[in-house]
C-alpha atoms as a PDB file:
ATOM      1  CA  MET A   1      23.568  -5.350  71.576  1.00  0.00           C
ATOM      2  CA  SER A   2      26.909  -3.227  70.238  1.00  0.00           C
ATOM      3  CA  LEU A   3      30.615  -4.005  69.276  1.00  0.00           C
ATOM      4  CA  HIS A   4      32.829  -1.168  69.200  1.00  0.00           C
ATOM      5  CA  LEU A   5      36.378  -1.509  67.362  1.00  0.00           C
ATOM      6  CA  ALA A   6      38.821   0.765  67.442  1.00  0.00           C
ATOM      7  CA  LEU A   7      41.583   1.130  64.489  1.00  0.00           C
ATOM      8  CA  HIS A   8      45.056   3.299  65.233  1.00  0.00           C
ATOM      9  CA  PRO A   9      47.237   4.577  62.671  1.00  0.00           C
ATOM     10  CA  PRO A  10      48.736   3.281  60.540  1.00  0.00           C
ATOM     11  CA  SER A  11      45.405   1.836  59.178  1.00  0.00           C
ATOM     12  CA  SER A  12      43.799   1.200  56.249  1.00  0.00           C
ATOM     13  CA  LEU A  13      40.395  -0.027  55.244  1.00  0.00           C
ATOM     14  CA  THR A  14      38.719  -1.077  51.625  1.00  0.00           C
ATOM     15  CA  LEU A  15      35.182  -0.394  50.970  1.00  0.00           C
ATOM     16  CA  LEU A  16      33.552  -2.007  48.187  1.00  0.00           C
ATOM     17  CA  ASN A  17      30.232  -1.334  46.653  1.00  0.00           C
ATOM     18  CA  PRO A  18      28.859  -2.026  43.204  1.00  0.00           C
ATOM     19  CA  SER A  19      30.047   1.203  41.598  1.00  0.00           C
ATOM     20  CA  HIS A  20      33.254   2.234  43.739  1.00  0.00           C
ATOM     21  CA  ARG A  21      36.162   0.616  44.925  1.00  0.00           C
ATOM     22  CA  PHE A  22      38.638   2.876  46.912  1.00  0.00           C
ATOM     23  CA  ARG A  23      40.788   3.041  49.864  1.00  0.00           C
ATOM     24  CA  CYS A  24      40.594   5.352  53.172  1.00  0.00           C
ATOM     25  CA  PHE A  25      43.827   6.526  54.607  1.00  0.00           C
ATOM     26  CA  SER A  26      44.021   8.839  57.326  1.00  0.00           C
ATOM     27  CA  PRO A  27      46.536   9.587  60.318  1.00  0.00           C
ATOM     28  CA  LYS A  28      43.735   9.915  62.336  1.00  0.00           C
ATOM     29  CA  PRO A  29      42.153   7.172  64.520  1.00  0.00           C
ATOM     30  CA  HIS A  30      39.121   5.399  63.127  1.00  0.00           C
ATOM     31  CA  SER A  31      36.590   3.810  65.158  1.00  0.00           C
ATOM     32  CA  LEU A  32      33.732   1.282  63.690  1.00  0.00           C
ATOM     33  CA  SER A  33      30.569   0.799  65.496  1.00  0.00           C
ATOM     34  CA  PHE A  34      28.259  -2.170  64.979  1.00  0.00           C
ATOM     35  CA  SER A  35      24.916  -2.279  66.704  1.00  0.00           C
ATOM     36  CA  SER A  36      21.922  -4.416  66.360  1.00  0.00           C
ATOM     37  CA  SER A  37      18.260  -4.155  67.135  1.00  0.00           C
ATOM     38  CA  PRO A  38      14.811  -6.201  66.599  1.00  0.00           C
ATOM     39  CA  ARG A  39      14.210  -3.748  63.933  1.00  0.00           C
ATOM     40  CA  ARG A  40      17.435  -2.923  62.216  1.00  0.00           C
ATOM     41  CA  ALA A  41      21.435  -3.056  62.385  1.00  0.00           C
ATOM     42  CA  ALA A  42      23.319  -0.435  61.693  1.00  0.00           C
ATOM     43  CA  PHE A  43      27.351  -0.090  60.554  1.00  0.00           C
ATOM     44  CA  SER A  44      29.233   3.194  60.754  1.00  0.00           C
ATOM     45  CA  ILE A  45      32.641   4.392  60.535  1.00  0.00           C
ATOM     46  CA  ARG A  46      33.882   7.705  62.423  1.00  0.00           C
ATOM     47  CA  SER A  47      36.978   9.645  62.021  1.00  0.00           C
ATOM     48  CA  SER A  48      38.553  12.099  64.248  1.00  0.00           C
ATOM     49  CA  SER A  49      39.133  14.289  61.159  1.00  0.00           C
ATOM     50  CA  ASP A  50      36.384  16.269  59.794  1.00  0.00           C
ATOM     51  CA  ASN A  51      37.421  15.975  56.373  1.00  0.00           C
ATOM     52  CA  PRO A  52      38.791  12.378  55.558  1.00  0.00           C
ATOM     53  CA  ALA A  53      40.989  11.938  52.463  1.00  0.00           C
ATOM     54  CA  TYR A  54      39.956   9.776  49.702  1.00  0.00           C
ATOM     55  CA  VAL A  55      42.450   8.132  47.332  1.00  0.00           C
ATOM     56  CA  ASP A  56      42.123   5.309  44.946  1.00  0.00           C
ATOM     57  CA  GLU A  57      43.890   2.217  45.114  1.00  0.00           C
ATOM     58  CA  TRP A  58      46.843   4.043  43.223  1.00  0.00           C
ATOM     59  CA  GLY A  59      47.439   6.240  45.688  1.00  0.00           C
ATOM     60  CA  ASP A  60      45.924   9.293  43.845  1.00  0.00           C
ATOM     61  CA  LYS A  61      43.478  11.505  45.731  1.00  0.00           C
ATOM     62  CA  SER A  62      39.985  11.841  44.219  1.00  0.00           C
ATOM     63  CA  GLU A  63      36.642  12.660  45.015  1.00  0.00           C
ATOM     64  CA  PRO A  64      33.916   9.891  45.032  1.00  0.00           C
ATOM     65  CA  GLU A  65      32.154   9.642  41.779  1.00  0.00           C
ATOM     66  CA  PRO A  66      28.558  11.208  41.728  1.00  0.00           C
ATOM     67  CA  GLU A  67      25.619   8.639  41.242  1.00  0.00           C
ATOM     68  CA  PRO A  68      24.773   9.166  37.529  1.00  0.00           C
ATOM     69  CA  VAL A  69      21.780  11.412  37.289  1.00  0.00           C
ATOM     70  CA  SER A  70      18.781   9.808  34.808  1.00  0.00           C
ATOM     71  CA  ARG A  71      17.109  12.377  32.521  1.00  0.00           C
ATOM     72  CA  PHE A  72      13.832  10.930  33.284  1.00  0.00           C
ATOM     73  CA  SER A  73      11.982  11.160  36.736  1.00  0.00           C
ATOM     74  CA  ALA A  74      10.432   8.022  38.484  1.00  0.00           C
ATOM     75  CA  ALA A  75       7.083  10.028  38.401  1.00  0.00           C
ATOM     76  CA  ASP A  76       7.105  10.618  34.694  1.00  0.00           C
ATOM     77  CA  PRO A  77       7.583   8.042  31.717  1.00  0.00           C
ATOM     78  CA  PRO A  78       9.843   8.681  29.011  1.00  0.00           C
ATOM     79  CA  LYS A  79       8.357  10.393  26.048  1.00  0.00           C
ATOM     80  CA  ASP A  80       8.605   8.802  22.649  1.00  0.00           C
ATOM     81  CA  ASP A  81      11.255  11.110  21.430  1.00  0.00           C
ATOM     82  CA  ASP A  82      12.730  10.989  17.758  1.00  0.00           C
ATOM     83  CA  GLU A  83      16.346  11.319  16.818  1.00  0.00           C
ATOM     84  CA  TRP A  84      15.701  15.231  16.709  1.00  0.00           C
ATOM     85  CA  GLY A  85      14.434  15.376  20.058  1.00  0.00           C
ATOM     86  CA  GLY A  86      10.847  15.985  19.276  1.00  0.00           C
ATOM     87  CA  GLY A  87       7.937  13.937  20.512  1.00  0.00           C
ATOM     88  CA  ALA A  88       6.488  11.632  17.991  1.00  0.00           C
ATOM     89  CA  GLU A  89       2.726  12.101  17.110  1.00  0.00           C
ATOM     90  CA  LEU A  90      -0.097  10.343  15.583  1.00  0.00           C
ATOM     91  CA  GLY A  91      -2.255  11.433  12.856  1.00  0.00           C
ATOM     92  CA  ASN A  92      -2.539  12.660   9.301  1.00  0.00           C
ATOM     93  CA  GLY A  93       0.934  13.892   8.030  1.00  0.00           C
ATOM     94  CA  THR A  94       3.190  11.876  10.630  1.00  0.00           C
ATOM     95  CA  PRO A  95       5.515   9.357  10.135  1.00  0.00           C
ATOM     96  CA  ALA A  96       2.704   6.704  11.279  1.00  0.00           C
ATOM     97  CA  ALA A  97       0.307   8.080   8.400  1.00  0.00           C
ATOM     98  CA  ALA A  98       3.482   7.872   5.991  1.00  0.00           C
ATOM     99  CA  ASP A  99       4.232   4.416   6.757  1.00  0.00           C
ATOM    100  CA  GLY A 100       0.327   3.681   6.215  1.00  0.00           C
ATOM    101  CA  ASP A 101       0.574   4.951   2.703  1.00  0.00           C
ATOM    102  CA  GLY A 102       3.747   2.973   2.148  1.00  0.00           C
ATOM    103  CA  LYS A 103       1.741  -0.015   3.014  1.00  0.00           C
ATOM    104  CA  LEU A 104      -0.940   0.795   0.750  1.00  0.00           C
ATOM    105  CA  TRP A 105       1.273   1.325  -2.153  1.00  0.00           C
ATOM    106  CA  GLU A 106       2.791  -2.141  -1.556  1.00  0.00           C
ATOM    107  CA  LEU A 107      -0.612  -3.627  -1.497  1.00  0.00           C
ATOM    108  CA  LYS A 108      -1.704  -1.918  -4.691  1.00  0.00           C
ATOM    109  CA  ARG A 109       1.779  -2.991  -6.488  1.00  0.00           C
ATOM    110  CA  ALA A 110       1.536  -6.251  -5.368  1.00  0.00           C
ATOM    111  CA  LEU A 111      -2.215  -6.745  -6.578  1.00  0.00           C
ATOM    112  CA  VAL A 112      -1.303  -5.479  -9.760  1.00  0.00           C
ATOM    113  CA  ASP A 113       2.022  -7.778 -10.215  1.00  0.00           C
ATOM    114  CA  THR A 114      -0.198 -10.680  -9.052  1.00  0.00           C
ATOM    115  CA  VAL A 115      -3.012 -10.352 -11.819  1.00  0.00           C
ATOM    116  CA  TYR A 116      -0.176  -9.309 -14.529  1.00  0.00           C
ATOM    117  CA  GLY A 117      -0.764 -11.478 -17.764  1.00  0.00           C
ATOM    118  CA  SER A 118      -4.089 -12.845 -16.649  1.00  0.00           C
ATOM    119  CA  ASP A 119      -6.069 -10.941 -19.124  1.00  0.00           C
ATOM    120  CA  SER A 120      -7.868  -9.255 -16.588  1.00  0.00           C
ATOM    121  CA  GLY A 121      -9.016 -12.056 -14.573  1.00  0.00           C
ATOM    122  CA  PHE A 122      -9.854 -13.891 -17.642  1.00  0.00           C
ATOM    123  CA  ARG A 123      -6.923 -16.567 -17.683  1.00  0.00           C
ATOM    124  CA  ALA A 124      -6.446 -16.563 -14.027  1.00  0.00           C
ATOM    125  CA  SER A 125      -5.403 -19.447 -12.048  1.00  0.00           C
ATOM    126  CA  ALA A 126      -7.304 -20.450  -8.717  1.00  0.00           C
ATOM    127  CA  GLU A 127      -3.950 -19.589  -6.934  1.00  0.00           C
ATOM    128  CA  VAL A 128      -3.880 -16.078  -8.348  1.00  0.00           C
ATOM    129  CA  ARG A 129      -7.676 -15.686  -7.927  1.00  0.00           C
ATOM    130  CA  ALA A 130      -6.842 -16.604  -4.108  1.00  0.00           C
ATOM    131  CA  GLU A 131      -3.670 -14.387  -3.541  1.00  0.00           C
ATOM    132  CA  ALA A 132      -5.804 -11.576  -5.392  1.00  0.00           C
ATOM    133  CA  LEU A 133      -8.756 -11.806  -3.225  1.00  0.00           C
ATOM    134  CA  GLU A 134      -6.476 -11.833  -0.121  1.00  0.00           C
ATOM    135  CA  LEU A 135      -4.766  -8.541  -1.242  1.00  0.00           C
ATOM    136  CA  VAL A 136      -8.373  -7.126  -2.024  1.00  0.00           C
ATOM    137  CA  THR A 137      -9.565  -7.765   1.596  1.00  0.00           C
ATOM    138  CA  GLN A 138      -6.532  -6.059   2.920  1.00  0.00           C
ATOM    139  CA  LEU A 139      -6.835  -3.130   0.821  1.00  0.00           C
ATOM    140  CA  GLU A 140     -10.510  -2.737   1.626  1.00  0.00           C
ATOM    141  CA  ALA A 141      -9.974  -3.083   5.485  1.00  0.00           C
ATOM    142  CA  ALA A 142      -7.495  -0.066   4.977  1.00  0.00           C
ATOM    143  CA  ASN A 143      -9.761   2.001   3.096  1.00  0.00           C
ATOM    144  CA  PRO A 144      -8.504   5.781   3.269  1.00  0.00           C
ATOM    145  CA  THR A 145     -11.785   7.096   1.823  1.00  0.00           C
ATOM    146  CA  PRO A 146     -14.677   5.956   3.949  1.00  0.00           C
ATOM    147  CA  ALA A 147     -17.148   8.111   1.616  1.00  0.00           C
ATOM    148  CA  PRO A 148     -16.155   7.644  -1.770  1.00  0.00           C
ATOM    149  CA  THR A 149     -19.132   9.339  -3.451  1.00  0.00           C
ATOM    150  CA  GLU A 150     -18.685  12.534  -1.652  1.00  0.00           C
ATOM    151  CA  SER A 151     -14.942  12.522  -2.896  1.00  0.00           C
ATOM    152  CA  PRO A 152     -15.451  13.652  -6.635  1.00  0.00           C
ATOM    153  CA  ASP A 153     -12.212  14.535  -7.022  1.00  0.00           C
ATOM    154  CA  LEU A 154     -10.907  11.215  -6.319  1.00  0.00           C
ATOM    155  CA  LEU A 155     -13.857   9.210  -7.781  1.00  0.00           C
ATOM    156  CA  ASP A 156     -14.001  11.181 -11.265  1.00  0.00           C
ATOM    157  CA  GLY A 157     -11.939  10.350 -14.309  1.00  0.00           C
ATOM    158  CA  ASP A 158     -10.961   7.574 -16.622  1.00  0.00           C
ATOM    159  CA  TRP A 159     -10.073   4.040 -14.842  1.00  0.00           C
ATOM    160  CA  ILE A 160      -8.566   1.096 -16.505  1.00  0.00           C
ATOM    161  CA  LEU A 161      -9.847  -2.229 -15.597  1.00  0.00           C
ATOM    162  CA  VAL A 162      -7.029  -4.625 -14.116  1.00  0.00           C
ATOM    163  CA  TYR A 163      -8.854  -7.511 -12.498  1.00  0.00           C
ATOM    164  CA  THR A 164     -12.486  -8.681 -12.301  1.00  0.00           C
ATOM    165  CA  ALA A 165     -13.619 -12.165 -10.898  1.00  0.00           C
ATOM    166  CA  TYR A 166     -17.072 -13.764 -11.349  1.00  0.00           C
ATOM    167  CA  SER A 167     -18.117 -10.770 -13.238  1.00  0.00           C
ATOM    168  CA  GLU A 168     -20.399 -10.757 -16.158  1.00  0.00           C
ATOM    169  CA  LEU A 169     -17.380  -9.258 -18.031  1.00  0.00           C
ATOM    170  CA  LEU A 170     -15.649 -12.471 -18.226  1.00  0.00           C
ATOM    171  CA  PRO A 171     -17.617 -13.639 -21.483  1.00  0.00           C
ATOM    172  CA  LEU A 172     -16.414 -10.461 -23.326  1.00  0.00           C
ATOM    173  CA  LEU A 173     -12.856 -11.134 -21.698  1.00  0.00           C
ATOM    174  CA  ALA A 174     -13.233 -14.476 -23.684  1.00  0.00           C
ATOM    175  CA  ALA A 175     -13.116 -12.876 -26.917  1.00  0.00           C
ATOM    176  CA  GLY A 176      -9.588 -12.397 -26.345  1.00  0.00           C
ATOM    177  CA  SER A 177      -9.163 -16.045 -27.063  1.00  0.00           C
ATOM    178  CA  ILE A 178     -10.280 -15.623 -30.374  1.00  0.00           C
ATOM    179  CA  PRO A 179      -7.026 -15.966 -32.949  1.00  0.00           C
ATOM    180  CA  LEU A 180      -6.241 -12.537 -33.998  1.00  0.00           C
ATOM    181  CA  LEU A 181      -8.428 -10.722 -31.789  1.00  0.00           C
ATOM    182  CA  LYS A 182      -7.180  -9.244 -28.767  1.00  0.00           C
ATOM    183  CA  VAL A 183      -9.026  -7.208 -25.929  1.00  0.00           C
ATOM    184  CA  GLU A 184      -6.712  -3.864 -25.758  1.00  0.00           C
ATOM    185  CA  GLU A 185      -8.593  -2.353 -22.780  1.00  0.00           C
ATOM    186  CA  ILE A 186     -11.749  -2.144 -20.775  1.00  0.00           C
ATOM    187  CA  SER A 187     -11.924   1.475 -19.298  1.00  0.00           C
ATOM    188  CA  GLN A 188     -14.845   3.189 -16.827  1.00  0.00           C
ATOM    189  CA  SER A 189     -15.014   7.092 -17.017  1.00  0.00           C
ATOM    190  CA  ILE A 190     -17.014   8.778 -14.078  1.00  0.00           C
ATOM    191  CA  ASP A 191     -18.442  12.310 -14.168  1.00  0.00           C
ATOM    192  CA  SER A 192     -20.040  13.046 -10.904  1.00  0.00           C
ATOM    193  CA  SER A 193     -21.276  16.382 -12.072  1.00  0.00           C
ATOM    194  CA  SER A 194     -23.357  14.900 -14.808  1.00  0.00           C
ATOM    195  CA  LEU A 195     -23.767  11.683 -12.682  1.00  0.00           C
ATOM    196  CA  THR A 196     -22.929   9.781 -15.672  1.00  0.00           C
ATOM    197  CA  ILE A 197     -21.015   6.389 -16.163  1.00  0.00           C
ATOM    198  CA  GLU A 198     -19.309   5.709 -19.586  1.00  0.00           C
ATOM    199  CA  ASN A 199     -18.093   1.808 -19.888  1.00  0.00           C
ATOM    200  CA  SER A 200     -15.820   1.259 -22.789  1.00  0.00           C
ATOM    201  CA  THR A 201     -14.131  -1.533 -24.607  1.00  0.00           C
ATOM    202  CA  THR A 202     -11.313  -1.498 -27.557  1.00  0.00           C
ATOM    203  CA  LEU A 203     -10.744  -4.747 -29.337  1.00  0.00           C
ATOM    204  CA  SER A 204      -8.001  -5.099 -32.160  1.00  0.00           C
ATOM    205  CA  SER A 205      -7.223  -7.504 -34.722  1.00  0.00           C
ATOM    206  CA  PRO A 206      -4.500  -7.352 -37.631  1.00  0.00           C
ATOM    207  CA  VAL A 207      -6.892  -5.255 -39.842  1.00  0.00           C
ATOM    208  CA  SER A 208      -8.834  -2.731 -37.342  1.00  0.00           C
ATOM    209  CA  THR A 209      -9.667  -1.787 -33.986  1.00  0.00           C
ATOM    210  CA  ILE A 210     -13.082  -1.859 -32.887  1.00  0.00           C
ATOM    211  CA  SER A 211     -14.555   0.328 -29.778  1.00  0.00           C
ATOM    212  CA  PHE A 212     -17.910   0.189 -28.501  1.00  0.00           C
ATOM    213  CA  SER A 213     -19.025   2.022 -24.998  1.00  0.00           C
ATOM    214  CA  ALA A 214     -22.207   1.521 -22.688  1.00  0.00           C
ATOM    215  CA  ILE A 215     -23.214   4.767 -21.153  1.00  0.00           C
ATOM    216  CA  ALA A 216     -25.373   5.030 -17.955  1.00  0.00           C
ATOM    217  CA  SER A 217     -26.698   7.295 -15.551  1.00  0.00           C
ATOM    218  CA  PHE A 218     -26.419   7.013 -11.692  1.00  0.00           C
ATOM    219  CA  GLU A 219     -27.779   8.171  -8.376  1.00  0.00           C
ATOM    220  CA  VAL A 220     -25.956   8.219  -5.140  1.00  0.00           C
ATOM    221  CA  ARG A 221     -27.586   5.922  -2.516  1.00  0.00           C
ATOM    222  CA  SER A 222     -25.005   6.000   0.165  1.00  0.00           C
ATOM    223  CA  PRO A 223     -21.785   7.360   1.069  1.00  0.00           C
ATOM    224  CA  SER A 224     -20.336   4.113  -0.613  1.00  0.00           C
ATOM    225  CA  ARG A 225     -23.086   3.072  -3.114  1.00  0.00           C
ATOM    226  CA  ILE A 226     -24.444   4.109  -6.279  1.00  0.00           C
ATOM    227  CA  GLN A 227     -27.373   2.936  -8.498  1.00  0.00           C
ATOM    228  CA  VAL A 228     -26.449   2.544 -11.960  1.00  0.00           C
ATOM    229  CA  GLU A 229     -29.002   2.493 -14.855  1.00  0.00           C
ATOM    230  CA  PHE A 230     -27.555   1.997 -18.339  1.00  0.00           C
ATOM    231  CA  LYS A 231     -29.334   4.135 -21.474  1.00  0.00           C
ATOM    232  CA  GLU A 232     -27.646   3.539 -24.476  1.00  0.00           C
ATOM    233  CA  GLY A 233     -24.729   2.010 -26.190  1.00  0.00           C
ATOM    234  CA  LYS A 234     -22.141   3.147 -28.950  1.00  0.00           C
ATOM    235  CA  PHE A 235     -20.418   1.823 -31.484  1.00  0.00           C
ATOM    236  CA  LYS A 236     -17.601   3.668 -33.057  1.00  0.00           C
ATOM    237  CA  PRO A 237     -16.427   2.893 -36.918  1.00  0.00           C
ATOM    238  CA  PRO A 238     -13.808   0.651 -37.074  1.00  0.00           C
ATOM    239  CA  GLU A 239     -10.126   2.084 -37.173  1.00  0.00           C
ATOM    240  CA  ILE A 240      -8.850   0.317 -39.979  1.00  0.00           C
ATOM    241  CA  LYS A 241      -4.724   0.055 -39.847  1.00  0.00           C
ATOM    242  CA  SER A 242      -3.096   1.539 -42.504  1.00  0.00           C
ATOM    243  CA  SER A 243      -1.235  -1.509 -42.826  1.00  0.00           C
ATOM    244  CA  ILE A 244      -1.743  -5.065 -42.017  1.00  0.00           C
ATOM    245  CA  ASP A 245       0.681  -6.625 -39.571  1.00  0.00           C
ATOM    246  CA  LEU A 246      -0.043 -10.403 -38.865  1.00  0.00           C
ATOM    247  CA  PRO A 247       1.569 -12.605 -36.103  1.00  0.00           C
ATOM    248  CA  GLU A 248       4.189 -14.898 -37.467  1.00  0.00           C
ATOM    249  CA  SER A 249       2.106 -17.796 -36.613  1.00  0.00           C
ATOM    250  CA  VAL A 250      -1.271 -18.526 -34.457  1.00  0.00           C
ATOM    251  CA  ASN A 251      -2.720 -21.178 -32.408  1.00  0.00           C
ATOM    252  CA  ILE A 252      -5.800 -22.741 -33.459  1.00  0.00           C
ATOM    253  CA  PHE A 253      -7.224 -25.706 -31.632  1.00  0.00           C
ATOM    254  CA  GLY A 254      -3.598 -26.615 -30.621  1.00  0.00           C
ATOM    255  CA  GLN A 255      -2.425 -26.455 -34.109  1.00  0.00           C
ATOM    256  CA  ASN A 256       0.370 -23.731 -34.784  1.00  0.00           C
ATOM    257  CA  ILE A 257      -0.315 -22.191 -38.310  1.00  0.00           C
ATOM    258  CA  ASN A 258       2.380 -20.252 -40.140  1.00  0.00           C
ATOM    259  CA  LEU A 259       0.756 -16.700 -41.293  1.00  0.00           C
ATOM    260  CA  SER A 260       3.805 -15.781 -43.256  1.00  0.00           C
ATOM    261  CA  PRO A 261       2.406 -16.721 -46.795  1.00  0.00           C
ATOM    262  CA  VAL A 262      -0.858 -14.783 -45.942  1.00  0.00           C
ATOM    263  CA  GLN A 263       1.102 -11.649 -45.053  1.00  0.00           C
ATOM    264  CA  GLN A 264       2.917 -11.735 -48.473  1.00  0.00           C
ATOM    265  CA  SER A 265      -0.500 -12.044 -50.189  1.00  0.00           C
ATOM    266  CA  LEU A 266      -1.720  -8.988 -48.376  1.00  0.00           C
ATOM    267  CA  ASN A 267       1.003  -6.974 -48.794  1.00  0.00           C
ATOM    268  CA  PRO A 268      -0.007  -5.481 -52.582  1.00  0.00           C
ATOM    269  CA  LEU A 269      -3.496  -4.373 -50.747  1.00  0.00           C
ATOM    270  CA  GLN A 270      -1.779  -1.997 -48.551  1.00  0.00           C
ATOM    271  CA  ASN A 271      -2.856   1.213 -50.778  1.00  0.00           C
ATOM    272  CA  ALA A 272      -6.462  -0.132 -51.049  1.00  0.00           C
ATOM    273  CA  ILE A 273      -6.695  -0.447 -47.075  1.00  0.00           C
ATOM    274  CA  GLU A 274      -5.109   2.656 -46.553  1.00  0.00           C
ATOM    275  CA  GLY A 275      -8.282   4.294 -48.822  1.00  0.00           C
ATOM    276  CA  ILE A 276     -10.697   2.372 -46.852  1.00  0.00           C
ATOM    277  CA  ALA A 277      -9.485   3.581 -43.247  1.00  0.00           C
ATOM    278  CA  ARG A 278      -9.529   7.312 -44.395  1.00  0.00           C
ATOM    279  CA  THR A 279     -13.185   6.922 -45.459  1.00  0.00           C
ATOM    280  CA  VAL A 280     -14.666   5.063 -42.798  1.00  0.00           C
ATOM    281  CA  SER A 281     -12.570   7.085 -39.745  1.00  0.00           C
ATOM    282  CA  GLY A 282     -14.731   9.946 -40.679  1.00  0.00           C
ATOM    283  CA  GLN A 283     -17.923   8.205 -40.032  1.00  0.00           C
ATOM    284  CA  PRO A 284     -19.783   9.146 -36.644  1.00  0.00           C
ATOM    285  CA  PRO A 285     -20.361   6.761 -33.961  1.00  0.00           C
ATOM    286  CA  LEU A 286     -23.736   4.551 -33.857  1.00  0.00           C
ATOM    287  CA  SER A 287     -26.232   4.871 -31.035  1.00  0.00           C
ATOM    288  CA  VAL A 288     -28.471   1.932 -29.778  1.00  0.00           C
ATOM    289  CA  ARG A 289     -30.859   2.305 -26.935  1.00  0.00           C
ATOM    290  CA  ILE A 290     -30.527  -0.612 -24.190  1.00  0.00           C
ATOM    291  CA  PRO A 291     -33.966  -2.064 -23.406  1.00  0.00           C
ATOM    292  CA  GLY A 292     -34.872  -4.612 -20.914  1.00  0.00           C
ATOM    293  CA  GLU A 293     -34.697  -4.975 -16.957  1.00  0.00           C
ATOM    294  CA  ARG A 294     -31.143  -5.745 -16.817  1.00  0.00           C
ATOM    295  CA  THR A 295     -30.155  -2.313 -17.439  1.00  0.00           C
ATOM    296  CA  LYS A 296     -30.196  -1.496 -13.801  1.00  0.00           C
ATOM    297  CA  SER A 297     -27.339  -2.262 -11.688  1.00  0.00           C
ATOM    298  CA  TRP A 298     -25.724  -1.437  -8.309  1.00  0.00           C
ATOM    299  CA  LEU A 299     -21.998  -0.686  -7.367  1.00  0.00           C
ATOM    300  CA  MET A 300     -20.461  -0.464  -3.824  1.00  0.00           C
ATOM    301  CA  ILE A 301     -17.082   1.249  -3.939  1.00  0.00           C
ATOM    302  CA  THR A 302     -14.958  -0.433  -1.039  1.00  0.00           C
ATOM    303  CA  TYR A 303     -11.809   1.348  -1.824  1.00  0.00           C
ATOM    304  CA  LEU A 304     -10.715   4.550  -3.180  1.00  0.00           C
ATOM    305  CA  ASP A 305      -7.652   6.789  -3.515  1.00  0.00           C
ATOM    306  CA  GLU A 306      -5.811   8.994  -5.723  1.00  0.00           C
ATOM    307  CA  ASP A 307      -5.253   6.199  -8.240  1.00  0.00           C
ATOM    308  CA  PHE A 308      -6.857   3.041  -7.278  1.00  0.00           C
ATOM    309  CA  ARG A 309     -10.264   1.644  -6.791  1.00  0.00           C
ATOM    310  CA  ILE A 310     -11.882  -1.590  -5.711  1.00  0.00           C
ATOM    311  CA  SER A 311     -15.750  -1.943  -6.459  1.00  0.00           C
ATOM    312  CA  ARG A 312     -18.027  -4.534  -5.861  1.00  0.00           C
ATOM    313  CA  GLY A 313     -21.759  -5.184  -7.549  1.00  0.00           C
ATOM    314  CA  ASP A 314     -24.134  -7.576  -8.855  1.00  0.00           C
ATOM    315  CA  GLY A 315     -21.994  -8.274 -11.525  1.00  0.00           C
ATOM    316  CA  GLY A 316     -18.837  -9.222  -9.276  1.00  0.00           C
ATOM    317  CA  LEU A 317     -15.474  -7.622  -8.450  1.00  0.00           C
ATOM    318  CA  PHE A 318     -13.714  -4.910 -10.176  1.00  0.00           C
ATOM    319  CA  VAL A 319     -10.181  -3.595  -9.628  1.00  0.00           C
ATOM    320  CA  LEU A 320      -9.246  -0.313 -11.515  1.00  0.00           C
ATOM    321  CA  VAL A 321      -6.501   1.930 -11.774  1.00  0.00           C
ATOM    322  CA  LYS A 322      -6.773   5.564 -12.885  1.00  0.00           C
ATOM    323  CA  LYS A 323      -5.513   6.569 -16.423  1.00  0.00           C
ATOM    324  CA  GLY A 324      -1.951   7.787 -16.140  1.00  0.00           C
ATOM    325  CA  SER A 325      -0.811   6.102 -12.777  1.00  0.00           C
ATOM    326  CA  SER A 326       2.402   4.679 -12.515  1.00  0.00           C
ATOM    327  CA  LEU A 327       0.884   1.202 -11.709  1.00  0.00           C
ATOM    328  CA  LEU A 328       0.049   0.676 -15.060  1.00  0.00           C
ATOM    329  CA  ASP A 329       3.560   1.055 -16.337  1.00  0.00           C
END
């Protein structure tokens, strides 16, 4: 079936589509045809002019606006370009890797801040321990060094203990609860070239500083595990302080005791104390062999980078920061 409609001048026809609205004027006659069939319906406009004029609704001549051309073809999906037009890539040294390093730094910073003031874990509450363990687990899952024993440039050096849990070190940390005695530092020095480890502890009091260490040899058993055997202990002579500086008060069994009178009575002894300090400081350290079966231990390094290490052993969990790192500030 077909229908023919003739338009004679003057005539106007407004055509609408989603992107254009214009009128078609022409002194030439137009004809409109409709046809339908079982398969399709057709609609057409014919003009006796070969070049019909297009004008907008204000009467100005214009050309039909071209369809916007996409920068992407239908067959090829868009690339993940950055703001400079370069394709984003994954791998070492890329923005994705940089974001990973930033995330690790945030986790390390959060762990150090969480255990701050807990005396390396001795005074940590159950809540602090739970939060610290969660952060440790996240760091271990993102360990950037899968073979720590094969990375001596990262493993070697002096490491400061910042947190330990369920460890045999806890009784040693308890020494810090003794009045006028403080655990200044617990550190570990590793030398892969000589296969030695030295664990050192420094205690301080108003009178002196005491340091002792345990020296061990180790064997590499796997890319992340070492077997440790302690050989000897060393006791350095106490470093007598040139002056005695007592705190104003000390808490003993819940009683706050004023130490100002004691400080005043010790002032006349300063010269004698300085003499003792000069004499003792020149003495060599005392070495003692460590006997027994408990000299052997093992250590699994579960996280390692340039300034942070997490280790697990039969003594418990250890979190250490390399000496000189800004994480210790």
